[in-house]
């Protein structure tokens, strides 16, 4: 997935830094095994807290919807894993 998804009009009011953070998570998590995913996500949560990056429920829904339009099948698997661990 390229970063074109970040230009989707439905995301225009979401901070570009937040979107770039998610793009990096998706890119970095693509090649991880299930065993590697939890430590990766724990580090990502720590990084988001340190960077003061937070998403409200509406942002998560819009971002998820847009990413699904632009993502490759293997990226969707990573997204679904992230969302399951988030407790969605």
PDB file of N, CA and C in Angstrom:
ATOM      1  N   UNK A   1       0.844  -1.171   0.000  1.00  0.00           N
ATOM      2  CA  UNK A   1       0.000   0.000   0.000  1.00  0.00           C
ATOM      3  C   UNK A   1       0.891   1.237   0.000  1.00  0.00           C
ATOM      4  N   UNK A   2       0.586   2.144  -0.875  1.00  0.00           N
ATOM      5  CA  UNK A   2       1.316   3.405  -0.900  1.00  0.00           C
ATOM      6  C   UNK A   2       0.670   4.367   0.089  1.00  0.00           C
ATOM      7  N   UNK A   3       1.243   5.524   0.237  1.00  0.00           N
ATOM      8  CA  UNK A   3       0.663   6.485   1.160  1.00  0.00           C
ATOM      9  C   UNK A   3      -0.484   7.283   0.535  1.00  0.00           C
ATOM     10  N   UNK A   4      -0.968   6.867  -0.640  1.00  0.00           N
ATOM     11  CA  UNK A   4      -2.104   7.529  -1.284  1.00  0.00           C
ATOM     12  C   UNK A   4      -3.357   7.505  -0.415  1.00  0.00           C
ATOM     13  N   UNK A   5      -3.504   6.489   0.413  1.00  0.00           N
ATOM     14  CA  UNK A   5      -4.688   6.383   1.256  1.00  0.00           C
ATOM     15  C   UNK A   5      -4.806   7.600   2.178  1.00  0.00           C
ATOM     16  N   UNK A   6      -3.678   8.194   2.525  1.00  0.00           N
ATOM     17  CA  UNK A   6      -3.704   9.343   3.427  1.00  0.00           C
ATOM     18  C   UNK A   6      -4.312  10.578   2.769  1.00  0.00           C
ATOM     19  N   UNK A   7      -4.428  10.578   1.444  1.00  0.00           N
ATOM     20  CA  UNK A   7      -5.006  11.703   0.719  1.00  0.00           C
ATOM     21  C   UNK A   7      -6.504  11.555   0.500  1.00  0.00           C
ATOM     22  N   UNK A   8      -7.093  10.493   1.006  1.00  0.00           N
ATOM     23  CA  UNK A   8      -8.531  10.286   0.857  1.00  0.00           C
ATOM     24  C   UNK A   8      -9.262  11.463   1.520  1.00  0.00           C
ATOM     25  N   UNK A   9     -10.239  12.042   0.831  1.00  0.00           N
ATOM     26  CA  UNK A   9     -10.947  13.210   1.366  1.00  0.00           C
ATOM     27  C   UNK A   9     -11.607  12.984   2.730  1.00  0.00           C
ATOM     28  N   UNK A  10     -12.017  11.772   3.031  1.00  0.00           N
ATOM     29  CA  UNK A  10     -12.677  11.526   4.312  1.00  0.00           C
ATOM     30  C   UNK A  10     -11.722  11.624   5.501  1.00  0.00           C
ATOM     31  N   UNK A  11     -10.413  11.714   5.225  1.00  0.00           N
ATOM     32  CA  UNK A  11      -9.415  11.826   6.290  1.00  0.00           C
ATOM     33  C   UNK A  11      -8.801  13.225   6.375  1.00  0.00           C
ATOM     34  N   UNK A  12      -9.343  14.165   5.624  1.00  0.00           N
ATOM     35  CA  UNK A  12      -8.736  15.493   5.510  1.00  0.00           C
ATOM     36  C   UNK A  12      -8.563  16.207   6.848  1.00  0.00           C
ATOM     37  N   UNK A  13      -9.427  15.950   7.815  1.00  0.00           N
ATOM     38  CA  UNK A  13      -9.336  16.653   9.093  1.00  0.00           C
ATOM     39  C   UNK A  13      -8.500  15.926  10.146  1.00  0.00           C
ATOM     40  N   UNK A  14      -7.920  14.802   9.791  1.00  0.00           N
ATOM     41  CA  UNK A  14      -7.075  14.050  10.724  1.00  0.00           C
ATOM     42  C   UNK A  14      -5.621  14.454  10.507  1.00  0.00           C
ATOM     43  N   UNK A  15      -4.942  14.712  11.591  1.00  0.00           N
ATOM     44  CA  UNK A  15      -3.545  15.149  11.539  1.00  0.00           C
ATOM     45  C   UNK A  15      -2.710  14.202  10.683  1.00  0.00           C
ATOM     46  N   UNK A  16      -1.944  14.776   9.777  1.00  0.00           N
ATOM     47  CA  UNK A  16      -1.104  13.987   8.856  1.00  0.00           C
ATOM     48  C   UNK A  16      -0.066  13.150   9.618  1.00  0.00           C
ATOM     49  N   UNK A  17       0.420  13.638  10.747  1.00  0.00           N
ATOM     50  CA  UNK A  17       1.370  12.886  11.562  1.00  0.00           C
ATOM     51  C   UNK A  17       0.778  11.600  12.106  1.00  0.00           C
ATOM     52  N   UNK A  18      -0.503  11.647  12.481  1.00  0.00           N
ATOM     53  CA  UNK A  18      -1.188  10.438  12.949  1.00  0.00           C
ATOM     54  C   UNK A  18      -1.272   9.407  11.827  1.00  0.00           C
ATOM     55  N   UNK A  19      -1.613   9.885  10.640  1.00  0.00           N
ATOM     56  CA  UNK A  19      -1.744   8.985   9.497  1.00  0.00           C
ATOM     57  C   UNK A  19      -0.391   8.383   9.121  1.00  0.00           C
ATOM     58  N   UNK A  20       0.651   9.186   9.172  1.00  0.00           N
ATOM     59  CA  UNK A  20       1.996   8.686   8.867  1.00  0.00           C
ATOM     60  C   UNK A  20       2.425   7.647   9.894  1.00  0.00           C
ATOM     61  N   UNK A  21       2.066   7.857  11.151  1.00  0.00           N
ATOM     62  CA  UNK A  21       2.362   6.884  12.202  1.00  0.00           C
ATOM     63  C   UNK A  21       1.701   5.548  11.876  1.00  0.00           C
ATOM     64  N   UNK A  22       0.435   5.583  11.491  1.00  0.00           N
ATOM     65  CA  UNK A  22      -0.265   4.345  11.122  1.00  0.00           C
ATOM     66  C   UNK A  22       0.344   3.686   9.897  1.00  0.00           C
ATOM     67  N   UNK A  23       0.715   4.495   8.921  1.00  0.00           N
ATOM     68  CA  UNK A  23       1.343   3.951   7.711  1.00  0.00           C
ATOM     69  C   UNK A  23       2.605   3.176   8.079  1.00  0.00           C
ATOM     70  N   UNK A  24       3.391   3.735   8.984  1.00  0.00           N
ATOM     71  CA  UNK A  24       4.629   3.047   9.378  1.00  0.00           C
ATOM     72  C   UNK A  24       4.320   1.755  10.127  1.00  0.00           C
ATOM     73  N   UNK A  25       3.279   1.751  10.946  1.00  0.00           N
ATOM     74  CA  UNK A  25       2.897   0.521  11.651  1.00  0.00           C
ATOM     75  C   UNK A  25       2.471  -0.574  10.671  1.00  0.00           C
ATOM     76  N   UNK A  26       1.676  -0.191   9.719  1.00  0.00           N
ATOM     77  CA  UNK A  26       1.210  -1.171   8.731  1.00  0.00           C
ATOM     78  C   UNK A  26       2.381  -1.722   7.937  1.00  0.00           C
ATOM     79  N   UNK A  27       3.263  -0.834   7.499  1.00  0.00           N
ATOM     80  CA  UNK A  27       4.415  -1.255   6.716  1.00  0.00           C
ATOM     81  C   UNK A  27       5.326  -2.179   7.535  1.00  0.00           C
ATOM     82  N   UNK A  28       5.617  -1.792   8.767  1.00  0.00           N
ATOM     83  CA  UNK A  28       6.530  -2.567   9.601  1.00  0.00           C
ATOM     84  C   UNK A  28       5.930  -3.909  10.040  1.00  0.00           C
ATOM     85  N   UNK A  29       4.632  -3.981  10.175  1.00  0.00           N
ATOM     86  CA  UNK A  29       4.012  -5.207  10.691  1.00  0.00           C
ATOM     87  C   UNK A  29       3.743  -6.249   9.609  1.00  0.00           C
ATOM     88  N   UNK A  30       3.877  -5.879   8.358  1.00  0.00           N
ATOM     89  CA  UNK A  30       3.557  -6.795   7.255  1.00  0.00           C
ATOM     90  C   UNK A  30       4.288  -8.121   7.329  1.00  0.00           C
ATOM     91  N   UNK A  31       5.538  -8.102   7.700  1.00  0.00           N
ATOM     92  CA  UNK A  31       6.338  -9.327   7.646  1.00  0.00           C
ATOM     93  C   UNK A  31       6.441 -10.038   8.997  1.00  0.00           C
ATOM     94  N   UNK A  32       5.677  -9.595   9.973  1.00  0.00           N
ATOM     95  CA  UNK A  32       5.775 -10.198  11.299  1.00  0.00           C
ATOM     96  C   UNK A  32       4.931 -11.462  11.422  1.00  0.00           C
ATOM     97  N   UNK A  33       5.445 -12.403  12.173  1.00  0.00           N
ATOM     98  CA  UNK A  33       4.669 -13.603  12.483  1.00  0.00           C
ATOM     99  C   UNK A  33       3.702 -13.268  13.616  1.00  0.00           C
ATOM    100  N   UNK A  34       2.783 -14.160  13.896  1.00  0.00           N
ATOM    101  CA  UNK A  34       1.849 -13.961  15.006  1.00  0.00           C
ATOM    102  C   UNK A  34       2.594 -13.788  16.325  1.00  0.00           C
ATOM    103  N   UNK A  35       3.665 -14.537  16.503  1.00  0.00           N
ATOM    104  CA  UNK A  35       4.444 -14.468  17.745  1.00  0.00           C
ATOM    105  C   UNK A  35       5.135 -13.113  17.893  1.00  0.00           C
ATOM    106  N   UNK A  36       5.485 -12.509  16.783  1.00  0.00           N
ATOM    107  CA  UNK A  36       6.169 -11.217  16.811  1.00  0.00           C
ATOM    108  C   UNK A  36       5.204 -10.039  16.931  1.00  0.00           C
ATOM    109  N   UNK A  37       3.940 -10.279  16.616  1.00  0.00           N
ATOM    110  CA  UNK A  37       2.967  -9.193  16.555  1.00  0.00           C
ATOM    111  C   UNK A  37       2.711  -8.542  17.919  1.00  0.00           C
ATOM    112  N   UNK A  38       2.538  -9.314  18.963  1.00  0.00           N
ATOM    113  CA  UNK A  38       2.234  -8.726  20.267  1.00  0.00           C
ATOM    114  C   UNK A  38       3.366  -7.830  20.776  1.00  0.00           C
ATOM    115  N   UNK A  39       4.622  -8.285  20.779  1.00  0.00           N
ATOM    116  CA  UNK A  39       5.692  -7.375  21.200  1.00  0.00           C
ATOM    117  C   UNK A  39       5.775  -6.118  20.323  1.00  0.00           C
ATOM    118  N   UNK A  40       5.545  -6.281  19.031  1.00  0.00           N
ATOM    119  CA  UNK A  40       5.551  -5.137  18.125  1.00  0.00           C
ATOM    120  C   UNK A  40       4.464  -4.136  18.509  1.00  0.00           C
ATOM    121  N   UNK A  41       3.276  -4.644  18.776  1.00  0.00           N
ATOM    122  CA  UNK A  41       2.167  -3.763  19.124  1.00  0.00           C
ATOM    123  C   UNK A  41       2.376  -3.079  20.465  1.00  0.00           C
ATOM    124  N   UNK A  42       2.960  -3.798  21.399  1.00  0.00           N
ATOM    125  CA  UNK A  42       3.245  -3.191  22.702  1.00  0.00           C
ATOM    126  C   UNK A  42       4.242  -2.046  22.548  1.00  0.00           C
ATOM    127  N   UNK A  43       5.231  -2.242  21.701  1.00  0.00           N
ATOM    128  CA  UNK A  43       6.198  -1.174  21.424  1.00  0.00           C
ATOM    129  C   UNK A  43       5.514  -0.005  20.704  1.00  0.00           C
ATOM    130  N   UNK A  44       4.592  -0.309  19.805  1.00  0.00           N
ATOM    131  CA  UNK A  44       3.872   0.737  19.076  1.00  0.00           C
ATOM    132  C   UNK A  44       2.997   1.560  20.023  1.00  0.00           C
ATOM    133  N   UNK A  45       2.360   0.898  20.977  1.00  0.00           N
ATOM    134  CA  UNK A  45       1.539   1.614  21.961  1.00  0.00           C
ATOM    135  C   UNK A  45       2.425   2.542  22.791  1.00  0.00           C
ATOM    136  N   UNK A  46       3.562   2.030  23.201  1.00  0.00           N
ATOM    137  CA  UNK A  46       4.503   2.840  23.980  1.00  0.00           C
ATOM    138  C   UNK A  46       4.956   4.062  23.165  1.00  0.00           C
ATOM    139  N   UNK A  47       5.267   3.815  21.899  1.00  0.00           N
ATOM    140  CA  UNK A  47       5.717   4.902  21.018  1.00  0.00           C
ATOM    141  C   UNK A  47       4.608   5.932  20.820  1.00  0.00           C
ATOM    142  N   UNK A  48       3.374   5.472  20.661  1.00  0.00           N
ATOM    143  CA  UNK A  48       2.265   6.409  20.464  1.00  0.00           C
ATOM    144  C   UNK A  48       2.037   7.252  21.721  1.00  0.00           C
ATOM    145  N   UNK A  49       2.170   6.630  22.886  1.00  0.00           N
ATOM    146  CA  UNK A  49       2.021   7.389  24.136  1.00  0.00           C
ATOM    147  C   UNK A  49       3.144   8.406  24.282  1.00  0.00           C
ATOM    148  N   UNK A  50       4.364   7.990  23.987  1.00  0.00           N
ATOM    149  CA  UNK A  50       5.503   8.901  24.072  1.00  0.00           C
ATOM    150  C   UNK A  50       5.351  10.083  23.106  1.00  0.00           C
ATOM    151  N   UNK A  51       4.761   9.808  21.954  1.00  0.00           N
ATOM    152  CA  UNK A  51       4.567  10.845  20.935  1.00  0.00           C
ATOM    153  C   UNK A  51       3.231  11.575  21.098  1.00  0.00           C
ATOM    154  N   UNK A  52       2.459  11.158  22.092  1.00  0.00           N
ATOM    155  CA  UNK A  52       1.131  11.737  22.347  1.00  0.00           C
ATOM    156  C   UNK A  52       0.216  11.620  21.137  1.00  0.00           C
ATOM    157  N   UNK A  53       0.229  10.454  20.533  1.00  0.00           N
ATOM    158  CA  UNK A  53      -0.639  10.168  19.397  1.00  0.00           C
ATOM    159  C   UNK A  53      -1.796   9.319  19.903  1.00  0.00           C
ATOM    160  N   UNK A  54      -3.006   9.823  19.712  1.00  0.00           N
ATOM    161  CA  UNK A  54      -4.208   9.103  20.126  1.00  0.00           C
ATOM    162  C   UNK A  54      -5.285   9.292  19.063  1.00  0.00           C
ATOM    163  N   UNK A  55      -6.141   8.307  18.957  1.00  0.00           N
ATOM    164  CA  UNK A  55      -7.216   8.335  17.971  1.00  0.00           C
ATOM    165  C   UNK A  55      -8.547   8.164  18.687  1.00  0.00           C
ATOM    166  N   UNK A  56      -9.532   8.971  18.306  1.00  0.00           N
ATOM    167  CA  UNK A  56     -10.859   8.754  18.874  1.00  0.00           C
ATOM    168  C   UNK A  56     -11.594   7.706  18.033  1.00  0.00           C
ATOM    169  N   UNK A  57     -12.718   7.234  18.529  1.00  0.00           N
ATOM    170  CA  UNK A  57     -13.450   6.167  17.839  1.00  0.00           C
ATOM    171  C   UNK A  57     -13.850   6.512  16.422  1.00  0.00           C
ATOM    172  N   UNK A  58     -14.240   7.749  16.182  1.00  0.00           N
ATOM    173  CA  UNK A  58     -14.624   8.160  14.831  1.00  0.00           C
ATOM    174  C   UNK A  58     -13.452   8.136  13.871  1.00  0.00           C
ATOM    175  N   UNK A  59     -12.299   8.560  14.358  1.00  0.00           N
ATOM    176  CA  UNK A  59     -11.098   8.526  13.518  1.00  0.00           C
ATOM    177  C   UNK A  59     -10.738   7.092  13.163  1.00  0.00           C
ATOM    178  N   UNK A  60     -10.804   6.216  14.143  1.00  0.00           N
ATOM    179  CA  UNK A  60     -10.458   4.806  13.904  1.00  0.00           C
ATOM    180  C   UNK A  60     -11.371   4.209  12.840  1.00  0.00           C
ATOM    181  N   UNK A  61     -12.655   4.472  12.930  1.00  0.00           N
ATOM    182  CA  UNK A  61     -13.611   3.924  11.951  1.00  0.00           C
ATOM    183  C   UNK A  61     -13.333   4.454  10.546  1.00  0.00           C
ATOM    184  N   UNK A  62     -13.106   5.756  10.429  1.00  0.00           N
ATOM    185  CA  UNK A  62     -12.839   6.333   9.102  1.00  0.00           C
ATOM    186  C   UNK A  62     -11.528   5.836   8.526  1.00  0.00           C
ATOM    187  N   UNK A  63     -10.494   5.806   9.356  1.00  0.00           N
ATOM    188  CA  UNK A  63      -9.180   5.346   8.890  1.00  0.00           C
ATOM    189  C   UNK A  63      -9.247   3.890   8.464  1.00  0.00           C
ATOM    190  N   UNK A  64      -9.893   3.066   9.271  1.00  0.00           N
ATOM    191  CA  UNK A  64     -10.025   1.643   8.947  1.00  0.00           C
ATOM    192  C   UNK A  64     -10.745   1.457   7.617  1.00  0.00           C
ATOM    193  N   UNK A  65     -11.818   2.193   7.427  1.00  0.00           N
ATOM    194  CA  UNK A  65     -12.587   2.100   6.184  1.00  0.00           C
ATOM    195  C   UNK A  65     -11.735   2.482   4.973  1.00  0.00           C
ATOM    196  N   UNK A  66     -10.975   3.550   5.101  1.00  0.00           N
ATOM    197  CA  UNK A  66     -10.132   4.009   3.984  1.00  0.00           C
ATOM    198  C   UNK A  66      -8.999   3.025   3.724  1.00  0.00           C
ATOM    199  N   UNK A  67      -8.348   2.549   4.767  1.00  0.00           N
ATOM    200  CA  UNK A  67      -7.245   1.606   4.582  1.00  0.00           C
ATOM    201  C   UNK A  67      -7.741   0.351   3.869  1.00  0.00           C
ATOM    202  N   UNK A  68      -8.925  -0.103   4.221  1.00  0.00           N
ATOM    203  CA  UNK A  68      -9.481  -1.299   3.559  1.00  0.00           C
ATOM    204  C   UNK A  68      -9.637  -1.086   2.052  1.00  0.00           C
ATOM    205  N   UNK A  69      -9.922   0.133   1.629  1.00  0.00           N
ATOM    206  CA  UNK A  69     -10.063   0.423   0.190  1.00  0.00           C
ATOM    207  C   UNK A  69      -8.733   0.333  -0.545  1.00  0.00           C
ATOM    208  N   UNK A  70      -7.633   0.680   0.125  1.00  0.00           N
ATOM    209  CA  UNK A  70      -6.336   0.800  -0.532  1.00  0.00           C
ATOM    210  C   UNK A  70      -5.373  -0.352  -0.247  1.00  0.00           C
ATOM    211  N   UNK A  71      -5.673  -1.189   0.724  1.00  0.00           N
ATOM    212  CA  UNK A  71      -4.716  -2.197   1.190  1.00  0.00           C
ATOM    213  C   UNK A  71      -4.725  -3.461   0.340  1.00  0.00           C
ATOM    214  N   UNK A  72      -3.564  -4.099   0.316  1.00  0.00           N
ATOM    215  CA  UNK A  72      -3.421  -5.423  -0.287  1.00  0.00           C
ATOM    216  C   UNK A  72      -3.929  -6.454   0.723  1.00  0.00           C
ATOM    217  N   UNK A  73      -4.266  -7.659   0.263  1.00  0.00           N
ATOM    218  CA  UNK A  73      -4.796  -8.684   1.172  1.00  0.00           C
ATOM    219  C   UNK A  73      -3.917  -8.955   2.398  1.00  0.00           C
ATOM    220  N   UNK A  74      -2.605  -9.015   2.216  1.00  0.00           N
ATOM    221  CA  UNK A  74      -1.737  -9.285   3.370  1.00  0.00           C
ATOM    222  C   UNK A  74      -1.725  -8.111   4.351  1.00  0.00           C
ATOM    223  N   UNK A  75      -1.927  -6.913   3.844  1.00  0.00           N
ATOM    224  CA  UNK A  75      -2.005  -5.753   4.721  1.00  0.00           C
ATOM    225  C   UNK A  75      -3.313  -5.759   5.510  1.00  0.00           C
ATOM    226  N   UNK A  76      -4.368  -6.260   4.878  1.00  0.00           N
ATOM    227  CA  UNK A  76      -5.639  -6.376   5.585  1.00  0.00           C
ATOM    228  C   UNK A  76      -5.529  -7.354   6.745  1.00  0.00           C
ATOM    229  N   UNK A  77      -4.746  -8.409   6.571  1.00  0.00           N
ATOM    230  CA  UNK A  77      -4.522  -9.354   7.667  1.00  0.00           C
ATOM    231  C   UNK A  77      -3.846  -8.657   8.840  1.00  0.00           C
ATOM    232  N   UNK A  78      -2.846  -7.832   8.559  1.00  0.00           N
ATOM    233  CA  UNK A  78      -2.170  -7.077   9.621  1.00  0.00           C
ATOM    234  C   UNK A  78      -3.137  -6.111  10.292  1.00  0.00           C
ATOM    235  N   UNK A  79      -3.944  -5.435   9.499  1.00  0.00           N
ATOM    236  CA  UNK A  79      -4.921  -4.506  10.045  1.00  0.00           C
ATOM    237  C   UNK A  79      -5.905  -5.236  10.949  1.00  0.00           C
ATOM    238  N   UNK A  80      -6.415  -6.362  10.487  1.00  0.00           N
ATOM    239  CA  UNK A  80      -7.358  -7.130  11.297  1.00  0.00           C
ATOM    240  C   UNK A  80      -6.727  -7.594  12.598  1.00  0.00           C
ATOM    241  N   UNK A  81      -5.465  -7.980  12.549  1.00  0.00           N
ATOM    242  CA  UNK A  81      -4.750  -8.383  13.771  1.00  0.00           C
ATOM    243  C   UNK A  81      -4.627  -7.208  14.736  1.00  0.00           C
ATOM    244  N   UNK A  82      -4.285  -6.059  14.207  1.00  0.00           N
ATOM    245  CA  UNK A  82      -4.159  -4.862  15.034  1.00  0.00           C
ATOM    246  C   UNK A  82      -5.504  -4.529  15.697  1.00  0.00           C
ATOM    247  N   UNK A  83      -6.559  -4.607  14.923  1.00  0.00           N
ATOM    248  CA  UNK A  83      -7.870  -4.280  15.461  1.00  0.00           C
ATOM    249  C   UNK A  83      -8.347  -5.296  16.489  1.00  0.00           C
ATOM    250  N   UNK A  84      -8.048  -6.564  16.271  1.00  0.00           N
ATOM    251  CA  UNK A  84      -8.423  -7.583  17.262  1.00  0.00           C
ATOM    252  C   UNK A  84      -7.708  -7.338  18.589  1.00  0.00           C
ATOM    253  N   UNK A  85      -6.427  -7.009  18.508  1.00  0.00           N
ATOM    254  CA  UNK A  85      -5.670  -6.752  19.730  1.00  0.00           C
ATOM    255  C   UNK A  85      -6.106  -5.466  20.411  1.00  0.00           C
ATOM    256  N   UNK A  86      -6.622  -4.548  19.633  1.00  0.00           N
ATOM    257  CA  UNK A  86      -7.140  -3.302  20.185  1.00  0.00           C
ATOM    258  C   UNK A  86      -8.450  -3.537  20.917  1.00  0.00           C
ATOM    259  N   UNK A  87      -9.104  -4.673  20.617  1.00  0.00           N
ATOM    260  CA  UNK A  87     -10.352  -5.011  21.264  1.00  0.00           C
ATOM    261  C   UNK A  87     -11.560  -4.432  20.580  1.00  0.00           C
ATOM    262  N   UNK A  88     -11.461  -4.307  19.277  1.00  0.00           N
ATOM    263  CA  UNK A  88     -12.536  -3.713  18.485  1.00  0.00           C
ATOM    264  C   UNK A  88     -13.621  -4.710  18.217  1.00  0.00           C
TER     265      UNK A  88
END
